[in-house]
Amino acid sequence: MHQEMISTLMRRFRKHTPHLEWEEINQHFKFTEKESLVCGYCGKKVKAFDIQPYRDVISLDHKKPLSQGGKNELKNIIITCCQCNIVKGTMDSELFKKFVKHFETAPELKKEVFEGLFWGRKANKVNREVKKKQIERFLHEFL
């Protein structure tokens, strides 16, 4: 595995599990030097970096979402592509795998559904960030 991928992975892990070191992560996932990392949901090869909208960039997902009581532990984290992570949202990992499996025989439909969910959730995130900034600005001005 090349240094850019290791660096990207470590940035992702530090967000969720800042106490973990590379040796522990590497031991858990059993990475090999020649191995290309693939999404744990769709099987697509993930990249250390990409151009917007960053669909194929490596991401980490909680198998059991934090909102459902999942923990920031190695055994609860899966390597994914950003697209699957965003589309999955707060679904449980097993439910999302079943969701993805339904599209195996209809790749065009999968692309259409994933595109809709991906852009819809990206738009929701942007809207939340804009609203948060508006509220902060309002509070700053009036308090």
N, C-alpha and C. Protein backbone atom coordinates (compact mmCIF):
# COMPACT_ATOMS: atom_id res chain seq x y z
N MET A 1 0.86 -1.17 0.00
CA MET A 1 0.00 0.00 0.00
C MET A 1 0.91 1.23 0.00
N HIS A 2 0.62 2.18 -0.88
CA HIS A 2 1.51 3.33 -0.98
C HIS A 2 1.25 4.36 0.12
N GLN A 3 2.23 5.22 0.32
CA GLN A 3 2.23 6.17 1.44
C GLN A 3 1.02 7.12 1.41
N GLU A 4 0.58 7.55 0.22
CA GLU A 4 -0.58 8.46 0.14
C GLU A 4 -1.82 7.80 0.72
N MET A 5 -2.01 6.51 0.43
CA MET A 5 -3.18 5.79 0.94
C MET A 5 -3.09 5.64 2.45
N ILE A 6 -1.92 5.33 2.95
CA ILE A 6 -1.74 5.20 4.40
C ILE A 6 -2.03 6.53 5.09
N SER A 7 -1.53 7.60 4.52
CA SER A 7 -1.76 8.94 5.09
C SER A 7 -3.25 9.28 5.10
N THR A 8 -3.93 9.01 3.99
CA THR A 8 -5.38 9.27 3.91
C THR A 8 -6.13 8.42 4.92
N LEU A 9 -5.79 7.15 5.00
CA LEU A 9 -6.44 6.26 5.97
C LEU A 9 -6.25 6.75 7.40
N MET A 10 -5.05 7.17 7.73
CA MET A 10 -4.78 7.63 9.09
C MET A 10 -5.58 8.89 9.42
N ARG A 11 -5.73 9.80 8.44
CA ARG A 11 -6.56 10.99 8.68
C ARG A 11 -7.99 10.59 8.97
N ARG A 12 -8.50 9.61 8.24
CA ARG A 12 -9.87 9.14 8.46
C ARG A 12 -10.01 8.48 9.84
N PHE A 13 -9.04 7.64 10.19
CA PHE A 13 -9.11 6.94 11.48
C PHE A 13 -8.98 7.91 12.64
N ARG A 14 -8.13 8.91 12.51
CA ARG A 14 -7.95 9.87 13.61
C ARG A 14 -9.23 10.63 13.93
N LYS A 15 -10.08 10.77 12.93
CA LYS A 15 -11.37 11.44 13.15
C LYS A 15 -12.24 10.63 14.11
N HIS A 16 -12.22 9.31 13.98
CA HIS A 16 -13.09 8.44 14.77
C HIS A 16 -12.39 7.79 15.95
N THR A 17 -11.14 7.42 15.75
CA THR A 17 -10.40 6.69 16.78
C THR A 17 -9.00 7.29 16.91
N PRO A 18 -8.89 8.47 17.51
CA PRO A 18 -7.61 9.17 17.55
C PRO A 18 -6.50 8.44 18.30
N HIS A 19 -6.86 7.50 19.13
CA HIS A 19 -5.86 6.78 19.93
C HIS A 19 -5.18 5.65 19.16
N LEU A 20 -5.69 5.25 18.01
CA LEU A 20 -5.13 4.12 17.28
C LEU A 20 -3.88 4.50 16.50
N GLU A 21 -2.94 3.59 16.46
CA GLU A 21 -1.71 3.74 15.68
C GLU A 21 -1.81 2.85 14.44
N TRP A 22 -0.99 3.16 13.43
CA TRP A 22 -1.03 2.43 12.17
C TRP A 22 -0.83 0.92 12.37
N GLU A 23 0.06 0.54 13.24
CA GLU A 23 0.35 -0.89 13.45
C GLU A 23 -0.92 -1.65 13.87
N GLU A 24 -1.69 -1.05 14.76
CA GLU A 24 -2.92 -1.70 15.24
C GLU A 24 -3.97 -1.79 14.12
N ILE A 25 -4.09 -0.72 13.34
CA ILE A 25 -5.05 -0.70 12.22
C ILE A 25 -4.62 -1.72 11.17
N ASN A 26 -3.34 -1.71 10.84
CA ASN A 26 -2.80 -2.63 9.83
C ASN A 26 -2.97 -4.08 10.28
N GLN A 27 -2.76 -4.35 11.55
CA GLN A 27 -2.92 -5.71 12.08
C GLN A 27 -4.39 -6.15 11.99
N HIS A 28 -5.31 -5.24 12.28
CA HIS A 28 -6.74 -5.58 12.25
C HIS A 28 -7.22 -5.88 10.82
N PHE A 29 -6.85 -5.02 9.87
CA PHE A 29 -7.32 -5.19 8.49
C PHE A 29 -6.43 -6.10 7.66
N LYS A 30 -5.22 -6.37 8.14
CA LYS A 30 -4.27 -7.25 7.46
C LYS A 30 -3.98 -6.77 6.03
N PHE A 31 -3.58 -5.50 5.91
CA PHE A 31 -3.23 -4.94 4.61
C PHE A 31 -1.96 -5.59 4.09
N THR A 32 -1.85 -5.71 2.77
CA THR A 32 -0.60 -6.15 2.16
C THR A 32 -0.08 -5.02 1.29
N GLU A 33 1.19 -5.07 0.97
CA GLU A 33 1.82 -3.98 0.22
C GLU A 33 1.24 -3.85 -1.19
N LYS A 34 0.91 -4.96 -1.83
CA LYS A 34 0.44 -4.92 -3.21
C LYS A 34 -1.07 -4.79 -3.32
N GLU A 35 -1.73 -4.87 -2.21
CA GLU A 35 -3.18 -4.88 -2.19
C GLU A 35 -3.77 -3.51 -2.56
N SER A 36 -4.81 -3.55 -3.41
CA SER A 36 -5.60 -2.36 -3.66
C SER A 36 -6.80 -2.43 -2.73
N LEU A 37 -7.11 -1.34 -2.11
CA LEU A 37 -8.25 -1.34 -1.20
C LEU A 37 -9.54 -1.19 -1.98
N VAL A 38 -10.55 -1.94 -1.56
CA VAL A 38 -11.85 -1.88 -2.22
C VAL A 38 -12.94 -1.58 -1.20
N CYS A 39 -14.02 -1.02 -1.69
CA CYS A 39 -15.17 -0.70 -0.84
C CYS A 39 -15.77 -1.99 -0.29
N GLY A 40 -16.03 -2.01 0.99
CA GLY A 40 -16.62 -3.18 1.65
C GLY A 40 -18.07 -3.42 1.27
N TYR A 41 -18.68 -2.47 0.56
CA TYR A 41 -20.08 -2.63 0.16
C TYR A 41 -20.22 -2.93 -1.33
N CYS A 42 -19.60 -2.10 -2.18
CA CYS A 42 -19.81 -2.28 -3.63
C CYS A 42 -18.64 -2.95 -4.33
N GLY A 43 -17.50 -3.06 -3.66
CA GLY A 43 -16.34 -3.74 -4.24
C GLY A 43 -15.51 -2.86 -5.17
N LYS A 44 -15.87 -1.60 -5.31
CA LYS A 44 -15.13 -0.68 -6.18
C LYS A 44 -13.79 -0.34 -5.55
N LYS A 45 -12.74 -0.22 -6.38
CA LYS A 45 -11.42 0.17 -5.90
C LYS A 45 -11.49 1.61 -5.39
N VAL A 46 -10.98 1.84 -4.18
CA VAL A 46 -10.99 3.18 -3.60
C VAL A 46 -9.64 3.86 -3.82
N LYS A 47 -9.67 5.20 -3.82
CA LYS A 47 -8.48 6.00 -4.09
C LYS A 47 -8.13 6.83 -2.86
N ALA A 48 -6.87 7.26 -2.79
CA ALA A 48 -6.43 8.13 -1.70
C ALA A 48 -6.98 9.54 -1.89
N PHE A 49 -7.14 9.95 -3.15
CA PHE A 49 -7.71 11.26 -3.45
C PHE A 49 -8.40 11.18 -4.81
N ASP A 50 -9.26 12.13 -5.09
CA ASP A 50 -10.04 12.15 -6.33
C ASP A 50 -10.51 13.58 -6.55
N ILE A 51 -11.09 13.83 -7.70
CA ILE A 51 -11.69 15.14 -7.95
C ILE A 51 -13.12 15.13 -7.43
N GLN A 52 -13.68 16.32 -7.23
CA GLN A 52 -15.06 16.38 -6.74
C GLN A 52 -15.95 15.63 -7.68
N PRO A 53 -16.95 14.95 -7.21
CA PRO A 53 -17.53 14.94 -5.88
C PRO A 53 -16.97 13.86 -4.96
N TYR A 54 -15.78 13.37 -5.25
CA TYR A 54 -15.04 12.46 -4.36
C TYR A 54 -15.73 11.12 -4.12
N ARG A 55 -16.45 10.61 -5.10
CA ARG A 55 -17.16 9.34 -4.94
C ARG A 55 -16.25 8.18 -4.57
N ASP A 56 -15.10 8.11 -5.22
CA ASP A 56 -14.23 6.93 -5.09
C ASP A 56 -13.15 7.06 -4.01
N VAL A 57 -13.16 8.16 -3.27
CA VAL A 57 -12.15 8.35 -2.22
C VAL A 57 -12.45 7.41 -1.05
N ILE A 58 -11.39 6.91 -0.46
CA ILE A 58 -11.53 6.01 0.69
C ILE A 58 -12.25 6.72 1.84
N SER A 59 -13.13 5.99 2.46
CA SER A 59 -13.89 6.50 3.59
C SER A 59 -14.01 5.38 4.62
N LEU A 60 -14.34 5.76 5.81
CA LEU A 60 -14.58 4.77 6.87
C LEU A 60 -16.03 4.89 7.28
N ASP A 61 -16.66 3.76 7.50
CA ASP A 61 -18.05 3.77 7.88
C ASP A 61 -18.24 2.90 9.12
N HIS A 62 -19.21 3.26 9.92
CA HIS A 62 -19.56 2.45 11.08
C HIS A 62 -20.54 1.38 10.64
N LYS A 63 -20.20 0.13 10.85
CA LYS A 63 -21.12 -0.96 10.49
C LYS A 63 -22.45 -0.78 11.21
N LYS A 64 -22.36 -0.55 12.50
CA LYS A 64 -23.55 -0.19 13.27
C LYS A 64 -23.41 1.30 13.55
N PRO A 65 -24.29 2.11 12.98
CA PRO A 65 -24.16 3.56 13.12
C PRO A 65 -24.14 4.02 14.57
N LEU A 66 -23.43 5.12 14.80
CA LEU A 66 -23.37 5.70 16.14
C LEU A 66 -24.77 6.03 16.63
N SER A 67 -25.65 6.45 15.69
CA SER A 67 -27.03 6.81 16.04
C SER A 67 -27.84 5.61 16.54
N GLN A 68 -27.34 4.40 16.26
CA GLN A 68 -28.02 3.18 16.71
C GLN A 68 -27.23 2.47 17.81
N GLY A 69 -26.32 3.21 18.42
CA GLY A 69 -25.57 2.63 19.53
C GLY A 69 -24.23 2.04 19.15
N GLY A 70 -23.80 2.20 17.89
CA GLY A 70 -22.49 1.70 17.47
C GLY A 70 -21.37 2.48 18.16
N LYS A 71 -20.20 1.89 18.18
CA LYS A 71 -19.05 2.48 18.87
C LYS A 71 -17.95 2.83 17.86
N ASN A 72 -17.06 3.73 18.27
CA ASN A 72 -15.87 4.07 17.50
C ASN A 72 -14.78 3.05 17.82
N GLU A 73 -14.98 1.82 17.36
CA GLU A 73 -14.03 0.73 17.59
C GLU A 73 -13.67 0.10 16.25
N LEU A 74 -12.47 -0.46 16.16
CA LEU A 74 -12.04 -1.10 14.92
C LEU A 74 -13.03 -2.13 14.41
N LYS A 75 -13.57 -2.94 15.32
CA LYS A 75 -14.48 -4.00 14.88
C LYS A 75 -15.79 -3.45 14.32
N ASN A 76 -16.07 -2.16 14.54
CA ASN A 76 -17.29 -1.55 14.03
C ASN A 76 -17.03 -0.66 12.82
N ILE A 77 -15.80 -0.68 12.30
CA ILE A 77 -15.46 0.18 11.18
C ILE A 77 -15.16 -0.66 9.94
N ILE A 78 -15.66 -0.18 8.80
CA ILE A 78 -15.43 -0.84 7.51
C ILE A 78 -14.89 0.20 6.54
N ILE A 79 -14.01 -0.24 5.65
CA ILE A 79 -13.47 0.64 4.61
C ILE A 79 -14.46 0.67 3.46
N THR A 80 -14.83 1.87 3.04
CA THR A 80 -15.80 2.03 1.96
C THR A 80 -15.36 3.14 1.00
N CYS A 81 -16.11 3.29 -0.07
CA CYS A 81 -15.96 4.46 -0.94
C CYS A 81 -16.89 5.53 -0.37
N CYS A 82 -16.58 6.78 -0.66
CA CYS A 82 -17.41 7.88 -0.14
C CYS A 82 -18.86 7.76 -0.61
N GLN A 83 -19.05 7.32 -1.86
CA GLN A 83 -20.41 7.23 -2.37
C GLN A 83 -21.26 6.26 -1.54
N CYS A 84 -20.75 5.07 -1.28
CA CYS A 84 -21.52 4.12 -0.47
C CYS A 84 -21.74 4.64 0.94
N ASN A 85 -20.72 5.29 1.52
CA ASN A 85 -20.86 5.83 2.86
C ASN A 85 -21.97 6.87 2.92
N ILE A 86 -22.01 7.73 1.94
CA ILE A 86 -23.04 8.78 1.92
C ILE A 86 -24.42 8.18 1.65
N VAL A 87 -24.51 7.28 0.69
CA VAL A 87 -25.80 6.67 0.35
C VAL A 87 -26.33 5.83 1.51
N LYS A 88 -25.44 5.13 2.19
CA LYS A 88 -25.86 4.28 3.32
C LYS A 88 -26.48 5.10 4.43
N GLY A 89 -25.93 6.28 4.68
CA GLY A 89 -26.49 7.13 5.73
C GLY A 89 -26.46 6.43 7.07
N THR A 90 -27.60 6.33 7.73
CA THR A 90 -27.66 5.70 9.05
C THR A 90 -28.22 4.28 9.01
N MET A 91 -28.20 3.68 7.81
CA MET A 91 -28.62 2.28 7.71
C MET A 91 -27.60 1.39 8.40
N ASP A 92 -28.05 0.28 8.93
CA ASP A 92 -27.17 -0.75 9.46
C ASP A 92 -26.41 -1.37 8.28
N SER A 93 -25.20 -1.80 8.51
CA SER A 93 -24.35 -2.38 7.48
C SER A 93 -25.00 -3.56 6.75
N GLU A 94 -25.59 -4.45 7.49
CA GLU A 94 -26.22 -5.63 6.87
C GLU A 94 -27.41 -5.25 5.99
N LEU A 95 -28.20 -4.30 6.43
CA LEU A 95 -29.33 -3.82 5.63
C LEU A 95 -28.82 -3.16 4.35
N PHE A 96 -27.76 -2.37 4.45
CA PHE A 96 -27.23 -1.71 3.26
C PHE A 96 -26.66 -2.73 2.27
N LYS A 97 -26.02 -3.78 2.77
CA LYS A 97 -25.49 -4.82 1.88
C LYS A 97 -26.63 -5.48 1.11
N LYS A 98 -27.76 -5.70 1.77
CA LYS A 98 -28.94 -6.27 1.09
C LYS A 98 -29.46 -5.29 0.04
N PHE A 99 -29.48 -3.99 0.38
CA PHE A 99 -29.91 -2.95 -0.53
C PHE A 99 -29.04 -2.95 -1.79
N VAL A 100 -27.72 -3.02 -1.62
CA VAL A 100 -26.78 -3.03 -2.75
C VAL A 100 -26.97 -4.30 -3.57
N LYS A 101 -27.18 -5.43 -2.91
CA LYS A 101 -27.34 -6.72 -3.60
C LYS A 101 -28.53 -6.72 -4.56
N HIS A 102 -29.59 -5.99 -4.21
CA HIS A 102 -30.77 -5.93 -5.08
C HIS A 102 -30.47 -5.34 -6.44
N PHE A 103 -29.40 -4.57 -6.54
CA PHE A 103 -29.07 -3.91 -7.80
C PHE A 103 -28.05 -4.66 -8.64
N GLU A 104 -27.62 -5.85 -8.19
CA GLU A 104 -26.60 -6.59 -8.93
C GLU A 104 -27.00 -6.88 -10.36
N THR A 105 -28.27 -7.15 -10.60
CA THR A 105 -28.72 -7.48 -11.95
C THR A 105 -29.23 -6.27 -12.72
N ALA A 106 -29.22 -5.10 -12.09
CA ALA A 106 -29.70 -3.89 -12.76
C ALA A 106 -28.73 -2.74 -12.52
N PRO A 107 -27.56 -2.78 -13.16
CA PRO A 107 -26.53 -1.76 -12.90
C PRO A 107 -26.97 -0.34 -13.27
N GLU A 108 -27.76 -0.19 -14.30
CA GLU A 108 -28.22 1.15 -14.69
C GLU A 108 -29.17 1.73 -13.64
N LEU A 109 -30.04 0.87 -13.12
CA LEU A 109 -30.96 1.31 -12.07
C LEU A 109 -30.17 1.66 -10.80
N LYS A 110 -29.16 0.84 -10.49
CA LYS A 110 -28.32 1.13 -9.33
C LYS A 110 -27.66 2.49 -9.47
N LYS A 111 -27.11 2.75 -10.66
CA LYS A 111 -26.44 4.03 -10.89
C LYS A 111 -27.43 5.18 -10.69
N GLU A 112 -28.63 5.04 -11.22
CA GLU A 112 -29.65 6.09 -11.10
C GLU A 112 -30.06 6.32 -9.64
N VAL A 113 -30.32 5.25 -8.92
CA VAL A 113 -30.74 5.35 -7.52
C VAL A 113 -29.61 5.92 -6.66
N PHE A 114 -28.39 5.39 -6.84
CA PHE A 114 -27.26 5.87 -6.06
C PHE A 114 -26.96 7.34 -6.35
N GLU A 115 -27.05 7.74 -7.61
CA GLU A 115 -26.83 9.15 -7.96
C GLU A 115 -27.84 10.04 -7.25
N GLY A 116 -29.10 9.65 -7.29
CA GLY A 116 -30.15 10.44 -6.63
C GLY A 116 -29.92 10.56 -5.14
N LEU A 117 -29.63 9.44 -4.49
CA LEU A 117 -29.39 9.45 -3.05
C LEU A 117 -28.11 10.20 -2.71
N PHE A 118 -27.06 9.98 -3.50
CA PHE A 118 -25.78 10.64 -3.25
C PHE A 118 -25.93 12.16 -3.30
N TRP A 119 -26.51 12.66 -4.38
CA TRP A 119 -26.63 14.12 -4.53
C TRP A 119 -27.65 14.70 -3.56
N GLY A 120 -28.69 13.96 -3.26
CA GLY A 120 -29.67 14.43 -2.28
C GLY A 120 -29.06 14.58 -0.90
N ARG A 121 -28.28 13.61 -0.50
CA ARG A 121 -27.66 13.67 0.83
C ARG A 121 -26.53 14.68 0.88
N LYS A 122 -25.80 14.84 -0.25
CA LYS A 122 -24.76 15.88 -0.30
C LYS A 122 -25.42 17.26 -0.16
N ALA A 123 -26.55 17.45 -0.85
CA ALA A 123 -27.27 18.74 -0.77
C ALA A 123 -27.77 18.99 0.64
N ASN A 124 -28.28 17.96 1.30
CA ASN A 124 -28.74 18.11 2.69
C ASN A 124 -27.60 18.54 3.60
N LYS A 125 -26.43 17.95 3.40
CA LYS A 125 -25.28 18.30 4.24
C LYS A 125 -24.88 19.75 4.02
N VAL A 126 -24.85 20.18 2.76
CA VAL A 126 -24.51 21.58 2.45
C VAL A 126 -25.54 22.50 3.08
N ASN A 127 -26.81 22.16 2.95
CA ASN A 127 -27.87 23.01 3.54
C ASN A 127 -27.73 23.10 5.06
N ARG A 128 -27.40 21.99 5.71
CA ARG A 128 -27.21 22.02 7.17
C ARG A 128 -26.05 22.92 7.55
N GLU A 129 -24.96 22.85 6.77
CA GLU A 129 -23.79 23.68 7.06
C GLU A 129 -24.12 25.16 6.86
N VAL A 130 -24.88 25.48 5.81
CA VAL A 130 -25.27 26.87 5.56
C VAL A 130 -26.15 27.38 6.69
N LYS A 131 -27.14 26.58 7.09
CA LYS A 131 -28.02 26.98 8.20
C LYS A 131 -27.24 27.18 9.49
N LYS A 132 -26.29 26.29 9.76
CA LYS A 132 -25.48 26.41 10.97
C LYS A 132 -24.71 27.73 10.97
N LYS A 133 -24.13 28.08 9.83
CA LYS A 133 -23.39 29.33 9.72
C LYS A 133 -24.33 30.53 9.88
N GLN A 134 -25.53 30.43 9.33
CA GLN A 134 -26.50 31.52 9.48
C GLN A 134 -26.89 31.71 10.94
N ILE A 135 -27.11 30.61 11.64
CA ILE A 135 -27.48 30.68 13.06
C ILE A 135 -26.32 31.26 13.87
N GLU A 136 -25.10 30.79 13.58
CA GLU A 136 -23.93 31.33 14.30
C GLU A 136 -23.78 32.82 14.06
N ARG A 137 -23.97 33.27 12.82
CA ARG A 137 -23.86 34.68 12.49
C ARG A 137 -24.94 35.48 13.22
N PHE A 138 -26.16 34.94 13.23
CA PHE A 138 -27.27 35.60 13.92
C PHE A 138 -26.96 35.74 15.42
N LEU A 139 -26.52 34.65 16.04
CA LEU A 139 -26.21 34.68 17.47
C LEU A 139 -25.06 35.64 17.77
N HIS A 140 -24.09 35.68 16.91
CA HIS A 140 -22.95 36.57 17.10
C HIS A 140 -23.37 38.04 17.02
N GLU A 141 -24.28 38.33 16.10
CA GLU A 141 -24.72 39.72 15.91
C GLU A 141 -25.66 40.20 17.02
N PHE A 142 -26.49 39.32 17.53
CA PHE A 142 -27.51 39.73 18.46
C PHE A 142 -27.28 39.36 19.91
N LEU A 143 -26.24 38.64 20.20
CA LEU A 143 -25.97 38.27 21.60
C LEU A 143 -24.71 38.91 22.11
